């Protein structure tokens, strides 16, 4: 049987992205930074660490902008 995985599951979570980019070294640090309002997605504060990112999204931390690219997953 061939199951299709929902598109959302192919997208990287915000907390995973922060670790992958080296912005934080642990999931706990990512959670803390996100929930304290230090992380913006596409110019807006995002406090959900499980937010799924799409290619083209821009994540901003401390004034640095990180572009989400398709080949991350």
PDB file of N, CA and C in Angstrom:
ATOM      1  N   UNK A   1       0.841  -1.174   0.000  1.00  0.00           N
ATOM      2  CA  UNK A   1       0.000   0.000   0.000  1.00  0.00           C
ATOM      3  C   UNK A   1       0.888   1.240   0.000  1.00  0.00           C
ATOM      4  N   UNK A   2       0.569   2.183  -0.827  1.00  0.00           N
ATOM      5  CA  UNK A   2       1.357   3.396  -0.974  1.00  0.00           C
ATOM      6  C   UNK A   2       0.660   4.547  -0.264  1.00  0.00           C
ATOM      7  N   UNK A   3       1.215   4.974   0.880  1.00  0.00           N
ATOM      8  CA  UNK A   3       0.609   6.062   1.636  1.00  0.00           C
ATOM      9  C   UNK A   3       1.253   7.380   1.260  1.00  0.00           C
ATOM     10  N   UNK A   4       0.441   8.407   1.189  1.00  0.00           N
ATOM     11  CA  UNK A   4       0.977   9.738   0.950  1.00  0.00           C
ATOM     12  C   UNK A   4       1.157  10.434   2.290  1.00  0.00           C
ATOM     13  N   UNK A   5       2.306  11.068   2.452  1.00  0.00           N
ATOM     14  CA  UNK A   5       2.573  11.817   3.672  1.00  0.00           C
ATOM     15  C   UNK A   5       2.079  13.239   3.451  1.00  0.00           C
ATOM     16  N   UNK A   6       1.291  13.762   4.393  1.00  0.00           N
ATOM     17  CA  UNK A   6       0.793  15.129   4.234  1.00  0.00           C
ATOM     18  C   UNK A   6       1.940  16.121   4.033  1.00  0.00           C
ATOM     19  N   UNK A   7       1.713  17.117   3.193  1.00  0.00           N
ATOM     20  CA  UNK A   7       2.733  18.115   2.875  1.00  0.00           C
ATOM     21  C   UNK A   7       3.299  18.767   4.133  1.00  0.00           C
ATOM     22  N   UNK A   8       2.469  19.022   5.142  1.00  0.00           N
ATOM     23  CA  UNK A   8       2.932  19.661   6.377  1.00  0.00           C
ATOM     24  C   UNK A   8       4.063  18.880   7.027  1.00  0.00           C
ATOM     25  N   UNK A   9       4.049  17.557   6.938  1.00  0.00           N
ATOM     26  CA  UNK A   9       5.067  16.739   7.583  1.00  0.00           C
ATOM     27  C   UNK A   9       6.410  16.838   6.882  1.00  0.00           C
ATOM     28  N   UNK A  10       6.434  17.350   5.661  1.00  0.00           N
ATOM     29  CA  UNK A  10       7.685  17.519   4.932  1.00  0.00           C
ATOM     30  C   UNK A  10       8.378  18.823   5.308  1.00  0.00           C
ATOM     31  N   UNK A  11       7.695  19.681   6.023  1.00  0.00           N
ATOM     32  CA  UNK A  11       8.244  20.987   6.364  1.00  0.00           C
ATOM     33  C   UNK A  11       8.967  20.923   7.703  1.00  0.00           C
ATOM     34  N   UNK A  12      10.027  21.710   7.824  1.00  0.00           N
ATOM     35  CA  UNK A  12      10.825  21.729   9.037  1.00  0.00           C
ATOM     36  C   UNK A  12      10.145  22.617  10.085  1.00  0.00           C
ATOM     37  N   UNK A  13      10.230  22.196  11.347  1.00  0.00           N
ATOM     38  CA  UNK A  13       9.675  22.993  12.441  1.00  0.00           C
ATOM     39  C   UNK A  13      10.632  24.131  12.786  1.00  0.00           C
ATOM     40  N   UNK A  14      10.088  25.190  13.331  1.00  0.00           N
ATOM     41  CA  UNK A  14      10.881  26.362  13.678  1.00  0.00           C
ATOM     42  C   UNK A  14      12.001  26.021  14.650  1.00  0.00           C
ATOM     43  N   UNK A  15      11.714  25.233  15.681  1.00  0.00           N
ATOM     44  CA  UNK A  15      12.770  24.897  16.645  1.00  0.00           C
ATOM     45  C   UNK A  15      13.879  24.070  15.995  1.00  0.00           C
ATOM     46  N   UNK A  16      13.521  23.178  15.082  1.00  0.00           N
ATOM     47  CA  UNK A  16      14.527  22.389  14.364  1.00  0.00           C
ATOM     48  C   UNK A  16      15.384  23.285  13.474  1.00  0.00           C
ATOM     49  N   UNK A  17      14.753  24.259  12.843  1.00  0.00           N
ATOM     50  CA  UNK A  17      15.467  25.183  11.966  1.00  0.00           C
ATOM     51  C   UNK A  17      16.516  25.970  12.750  1.00  0.00           C
ATOM     52  N   UNK A  18      16.146  26.434  13.939  1.00  0.00           N
ATOM     53  CA  UNK A  18      17.096  27.197  14.754  1.00  0.00           C
ATOM     54  C   UNK A  18      18.315  26.356  15.109  1.00  0.00           C
ATOM     55  N   UNK A  19      18.100  25.095  15.432  1.00  0.00           N
ATOM     56  CA  UNK A  19      19.230  24.204  15.740  1.00  0.00           C
ATOM     57  C   UNK A  19      20.056  23.927  14.491  1.00  0.00           C
ATOM     58  N   UNK A  20      19.406  23.655  13.380  1.00  0.00           N
ATOM     59  CA  UNK A  20      20.099  23.343  12.132  1.00  0.00           C
ATOM     60  C   UNK A  20      20.993  24.500  11.674  1.00  0.00           C
ATOM     61  N   UNK A  21      20.526  25.714  11.871  1.00  0.00           N
ATOM     62  CA  UNK A  21      21.286  26.895  11.460  1.00  0.00           C
ATOM     63  C   UNK A  21      22.362  27.286  12.477  1.00  0.00           C
ATOM     64  N   UNK A  22      22.399  26.595  13.624  1.00  0.00           N
ATOM     65  CA  UNK A  22      23.398  26.907  14.643  1.00  0.00           C
ATOM     66  C   UNK A  22      23.044  28.120  15.485  1.00  0.00           C
ATOM     67  N   UNK A  23      21.804  28.555  15.413  1.00  0.00           N
ATOM     68  CA  UNK A  23      21.350  29.701  16.199  1.00  0.00           C
ATOM     69  C   UNK A  23      21.238  29.298  17.661  1.00  0.00           C
ATOM     70  N   UNK A  24      20.784  28.074  17.899  1.00  0.00           N
ATOM     71  CA  UNK A  24      20.754  27.495  19.242  1.00  0.00           C
ATOM     72  C   UNK A  24      21.401  26.120  19.169  1.00  0.00           C
ATOM     73  N   UNK A  25      21.900  25.664  20.311  1.00  0.00           N
ATOM     74  CA  UNK A  25      22.558  24.359  20.314  1.00  0.00           C
ATOM     75  C   UNK A  25      21.654  23.239  20.820  1.00  0.00           C
ATOM     76  N   UNK A  26      20.559  23.603  21.483  1.00  0.00           N
ATOM     77  CA  UNK A  26      19.651  22.581  22.004  1.00  0.00           C
ATOM     78  C   UNK A  26      18.200  22.960  21.715  1.00  0.00           C
ATOM     79  N   UNK A  27      17.345  21.960  21.796  1.00  0.00           N
ATOM     80  CA  UNK A  27      15.921  22.211  21.624  1.00  0.00           C
ATOM     81  C   UNK A  27      15.361  23.087  22.727  1.00  0.00           C
ATOM     82  N   UNK A  28      15.902  22.928  23.936  1.00  0.00           N
ATOM     83  CA  UNK A  28      15.460  23.750  25.063  1.00  0.00           C
ATOM     84  C   UNK A  28      15.767  25.220  24.853  1.00  0.00           C
ATOM     85  N   UNK A  29      16.953  25.486  24.313  1.00  0.00           N
ATOM     86  CA  UNK A  29      17.330  26.878  24.026  1.00  0.00           C
ATOM     87  C   UNK A  29      16.437  27.456  22.934  1.00  0.00           C
ATOM     88  N   UNK A  30      16.141  26.641  21.928  1.00  0.00           N
ATOM     89  CA  UNK A  30      15.264  27.092  20.842  1.00  0.00           C
ATOM     90  C   UNK A  30      13.882  27.428  21.396  1.00  0.00           C
ATOM     91  N   UNK A  31      13.359  26.553  22.228  1.00  0.00           N
ATOM     92  CA  UNK A  31      12.042  26.768  22.833  1.00  0.00           C
ATOM     93  C   UNK A  31      12.018  28.073  23.619  1.00  0.00           C
ATOM     94  N   UNK A  32      13.052  28.297  24.409  1.00  0.00           N
ATOM     95  CA  UNK A  32      13.118  29.499  25.233  1.00  0.00           C
ATOM     96  C   UNK A  32      13.149  30.767  24.376  1.00  0.00           C
ATOM     97  N   UNK A  33      13.972  30.768  23.354  1.00  0.00           N
ATOM     98  CA  UNK A  33      14.084  31.953  22.490  1.00  0.00           C
ATOM     99  C   UNK A  33      12.777  32.215  21.745  1.00  0.00           C
ATOM    100  N   UNK A  34      12.144  31.146  21.275  1.00  0.00           N
ATOM    101  CA  UNK A  34      10.885  31.298  20.537  1.00  0.00           C
ATOM    102  C   UNK A  34       9.794  31.824  21.459  1.00  0.00           C
ATOM    103  N   UNK A  35       9.629  31.185  22.616  1.00  0.00           N
ATOM    104  CA  UNK A  35       8.540  31.555  23.514  1.00  0.00           C
ATOM    105  C   UNK A  35       8.738  32.913  24.179  1.00  0.00           C
ATOM    106  N   UNK A  36       9.973  33.415  24.192  1.00  0.00           N
ATOM    107  CA  UNK A  36      10.215  34.742  24.766  1.00  0.00           C
ATOM    108  C   UNK A  36      10.024  35.850  23.726  1.00  0.00           C
ATOM    109  N   UNK A  37       9.658  35.473  22.500  1.00  0.00           N
ATOM    110  CA  UNK A  37       9.363  36.458  21.471  1.00  0.00           C
ATOM    111  C   UNK A  37      10.576  36.983  20.725  1.00  0.00           C
ATOM    112  N   UNK A  38      11.703  36.284  20.815  1.00  0.00           N
ATOM    113  CA  UNK A  38      12.939  36.726  20.158  1.00  0.00           C
ATOM    114  C   UNK A  38      13.015  36.339  18.683  1.00  0.00           C
ATOM    115  N   UNK A  39      12.084  35.511  18.216  1.00  0.00           N
ATOM    116  CA  UNK A  39      12.163  34.977  16.855  1.00  0.00           C
ATOM    117  C   UNK A  39      10.995  35.497  16.019  1.00  0.00           C
ATOM    118  N   UNK A  40      11.328  36.003  14.847  1.00  0.00           N
ATOM    119  CA  UNK A  40      10.306  36.474  13.915  1.00  0.00           C
ATOM    120  C   UNK A  40      10.291  35.568  12.690  1.00  0.00           C
ATOM    121  N   UNK A  41       9.098  35.316  12.181  1.00  0.00           N
ATOM    122  CA  UNK A  41       8.941  34.588  10.922  1.00  0.00           C
ATOM    123  C   UNK A  41       8.194  35.522   9.978  1.00  0.00           C
ATOM    124  N   UNK A  42       8.848  35.835   8.879  1.00  0.00           N
ATOM    125  CA  UNK A  42       8.279  36.761   7.890  1.00  0.00           C
ATOM    126  C   UNK A  42       7.876  38.092   8.524  1.00  0.00           C
ATOM    127  N   UNK A  43       8.717  38.566   9.456  1.00  0.00           N
ATOM    128  CA  UNK A  43       8.516  39.878  10.066  1.00  0.00           C
ATOM    129  C   UNK A  43       7.574  39.924  11.246  1.00  0.00           C
ATOM    130  N   UNK A  44       7.016  38.779  11.647  1.00  0.00           N
ATOM    131  CA  UNK A  44       6.081  38.752  12.768  1.00  0.00           C
ATOM    132  C   UNK A  44       6.594  37.821  13.858  1.00  0.00           C
ATOM    133  N   UNK A  45       6.413  38.233  15.122  1.00  0.00           N
ATOM    134  CA  UNK A  45       6.838  37.402  16.243  1.00  0.00           C
ATOM    135  C   UNK A  45       6.103  36.072  16.178  1.00  0.00           C
ATOM    136  N   UNK A  46       6.861  34.992  16.348  1.00  0.00           N
ATOM    137  CA  UNK A  46       6.273  33.641  16.336  1.00  0.00           C
ATOM    138  C   UNK A  46       6.642  32.956  17.648  1.00  0.00           C
ATOM    139  N   UNK A  47       5.647  32.549  18.418  1.00  0.00           N
ATOM    140  CA  UNK A  47       5.915  31.910  19.709  1.00  0.00           C
ATOM    141  C   UNK A  47       5.598  30.413  19.707  1.00  0.00           C
ATOM    142  N   UNK A  48       5.256  29.875  18.548  1.00  0.00           N
ATOM    143  CA  UNK A  48       4.983  28.434  18.451  1.00  0.00           C
ATOM    144  C   UNK A  48       6.231  27.733  17.927  1.00  0.00           C
ATOM    145  N   UNK A  49       6.860  26.940  18.763  1.00  0.00           N
ATOM    146  CA  UNK A  49       8.092  26.274  18.325  1.00  0.00           C
ATOM    147  C   UNK A  49       7.819  25.209  17.269  1.00  0.00           C
ATOM    148  N   UNK A  50       6.600  24.700  17.210  1.00  0.00           N
ATOM    149  CA  UNK A  50       6.239  23.680  16.236  1.00  0.00           C
ATOM    150  C   UNK A  50       5.772  24.245  14.902  1.00  0.00           C
ATOM    151  N   UNK A  51       5.842  25.547  14.746  1.00  0.00           N
ATOM    152  CA  UNK A  51       5.431  26.187  13.486  1.00  0.00           C
ATOM    153  C   UNK A  51       6.205  25.562  12.338  1.00  0.00           C
ATOM    154  N   UNK A  52       5.494  25.116  11.318  1.00  0.00           N
ATOM    155  CA  UNK A  52       6.132  24.511  10.144  1.00  0.00           C
ATOM    156  C   UNK A  52       6.527  25.614   9.168  1.00  0.00           C
ATOM    157  N   UNK A  53       7.781  25.590   8.768  1.00  0.00           N
ATOM    158  CA  UNK A  53       8.297  26.603   7.854  1.00  0.00           C
ATOM    159  C   UNK A  53       8.209  26.118   6.417  1.00  0.00           C
ATOM    160  N   UNK A  54       8.032  27.058   5.521  1.00  0.00           N
ATOM    161  CA  UNK A  54       7.943  26.763   4.089  1.00  0.00           C
ATOM    162  C   UNK A  54       9.150  27.369   3.377  1.00  0.00           C
ATOM    163  N   UNK A  55       9.537  26.799   2.254  1.00  0.00           N
ATOM    164  CA  UNK A  55      10.602  27.425   1.473  1.00  0.00           C
ATOM    165  C   UNK A  55      10.236  28.878   1.162  1.00  0.00           C
ATOM    166  N   UNK A  56      11.193  29.763   1.368  1.00  0.00           N
ATOM    167  CA  UNK A  56      10.958  31.186   1.139  1.00  0.00           C
ATOM    168  C   UNK A  56      10.653  31.964   2.402  1.00  0.00           C
ATOM    169  N   UNK A  57      10.278  31.263   3.491  1.00  0.00           N
ATOM    170  CA  UNK A  57      10.057  31.956   4.760  1.00  0.00           C
ATOM    171  C   UNK A  57      11.363  32.580   5.228  1.00  0.00           C
ATOM    172  N   UNK A  58      11.237  33.696   5.933  1.00  0.00           N
ATOM    173  CA  UNK A  58      12.404  34.380   6.488  1.00  0.00           C
ATOM    174  C   UNK A  58      12.302  34.363   8.006  1.00  0.00           C
ATOM    175  N   UNK A  59      13.329  33.820   8.645  1.00  0.00           N
ATOM    176  CA  UNK A  59      13.389  33.749  10.102  1.00  0.00           C
ATOM    177  C   UNK A  59      14.413  34.778  10.562  1.00  0.00           C
ATOM    178  N   UNK A  60      14.010  35.650  11.485  1.00  0.00           N
ATOM    179  CA  UNK A  60      14.897  36.700  11.982  1.00  0.00           C
ATOM    180  C   UNK A  60      15.154  36.492  13.466  1.00  0.00           C
ATOM    181  N   UNK A  61      16.448  36.501  13.828  1.00  0.00           N
ATOM    182  CA  UNK A  61      16.869  36.390  15.224  1.00  0.00           C
ATOM    183  C   UNK A  61      17.994  37.395  15.425  1.00  0.00           C
ATOM    184  N   UNK A  62      17.828  38.282  16.397  1.00  0.00           N
ATOM    185  CA  UNK A  62      18.830  39.308  16.707  1.00  0.00           C
ATOM    186  C   UNK A  62      19.244  40.097  15.465  1.00  0.00           C
ATOM    187  N   UNK A  63      18.297  40.407  14.617  1.00  0.00           N
ATOM    188  CA  UNK A  63      18.568  41.205  13.430  1.00  0.00           C
ATOM    189  C   UNK A  63      19.132  40.435  12.241  1.00  0.00           C
ATOM    190  N   UNK A  64      19.510  39.172  12.454  1.00  0.00           N
ATOM    191  CA  UNK A  64      20.012  38.323  11.365  1.00  0.00           C
ATOM    192  C   UNK A  64      18.836  37.644  10.677  1.00  0.00           C
ATOM    193  N   UNK A  65      18.830  37.659   9.366  1.00  0.00           N
ATOM    194  CA  UNK A  65      17.753  37.026   8.605  1.00  0.00           C
ATOM    195  C   UNK A  65      18.268  35.729   7.991  1.00  0.00           C
ATOM    196  N   UNK A  66      17.504  34.662   8.199  1.00  0.00           N
ATOM    197  CA  UNK A  66      17.829  33.339   7.663  1.00  0.00           C
ATOM    198  C   UNK A  66      16.708  32.929   6.718  1.00  0.00           C
ATOM    199  N   UNK A  67      17.067  32.563   5.507  1.00  0.00           N
ATOM    200  CA  UNK A  67      16.083  32.160   4.503  1.00  0.00           C
ATOM    201  C   UNK A  67      15.885  30.647   4.547  1.00  0.00           C
ATOM    202  N   UNK A  68      14.634  30.227   4.598  1.00  0.00           N
ATOM    203  CA  UNK A  68      14.312  28.801   4.583  1.00  0.00           C
ATOM    204  C   UNK A  68      14.371  28.325   3.138  1.00  0.00           C
ATOM    205  N   UNK A  69      15.190  27.306   2.899  1.00  0.00           N
ATOM    206  CA  UNK A  69      15.359  26.785   1.545  1.00  0.00           C
ATOM    207  C   UNK A  69      14.767  25.387   1.423  1.00  0.00           C
ATOM    208  N   UNK A  70      14.390  25.028   0.218  1.00  0.00           N
ATOM    209  CA  UNK A  70      13.742  23.737  -0.066  1.00  0.00           C
ATOM    210  C   UNK A  70      14.595  22.546   0.348  1.00  0.00           C
ATOM    211  N   UNK A  71      15.906  22.629   0.171  1.00  0.00           N
ATOM    212  CA  UNK A  71      16.760  21.464   0.390  1.00  0.00           C
ATOM    213  C   UNK A  71      17.105  21.190   1.849  1.00  0.00           C
ATOM    214  N   UNK A  72      16.417  21.838   2.788  1.00  0.00           N
ATOM    215  CA  UNK A  72      16.682  21.595   4.207  1.00  0.00           C
ATOM    216  C   UNK A  72      16.159  20.241   4.663  1.00  0.00           C
ATOM    217  N   UNK A  73      15.212  19.697   3.928  1.00  0.00           N
ATOM    218  CA  UNK A  73      14.623  18.427   4.334  1.00  0.00           C
ATOM    219  C   UNK A  73      14.476  17.605   3.139  1.00  0.00           C
TER     220      UNK A  73
END
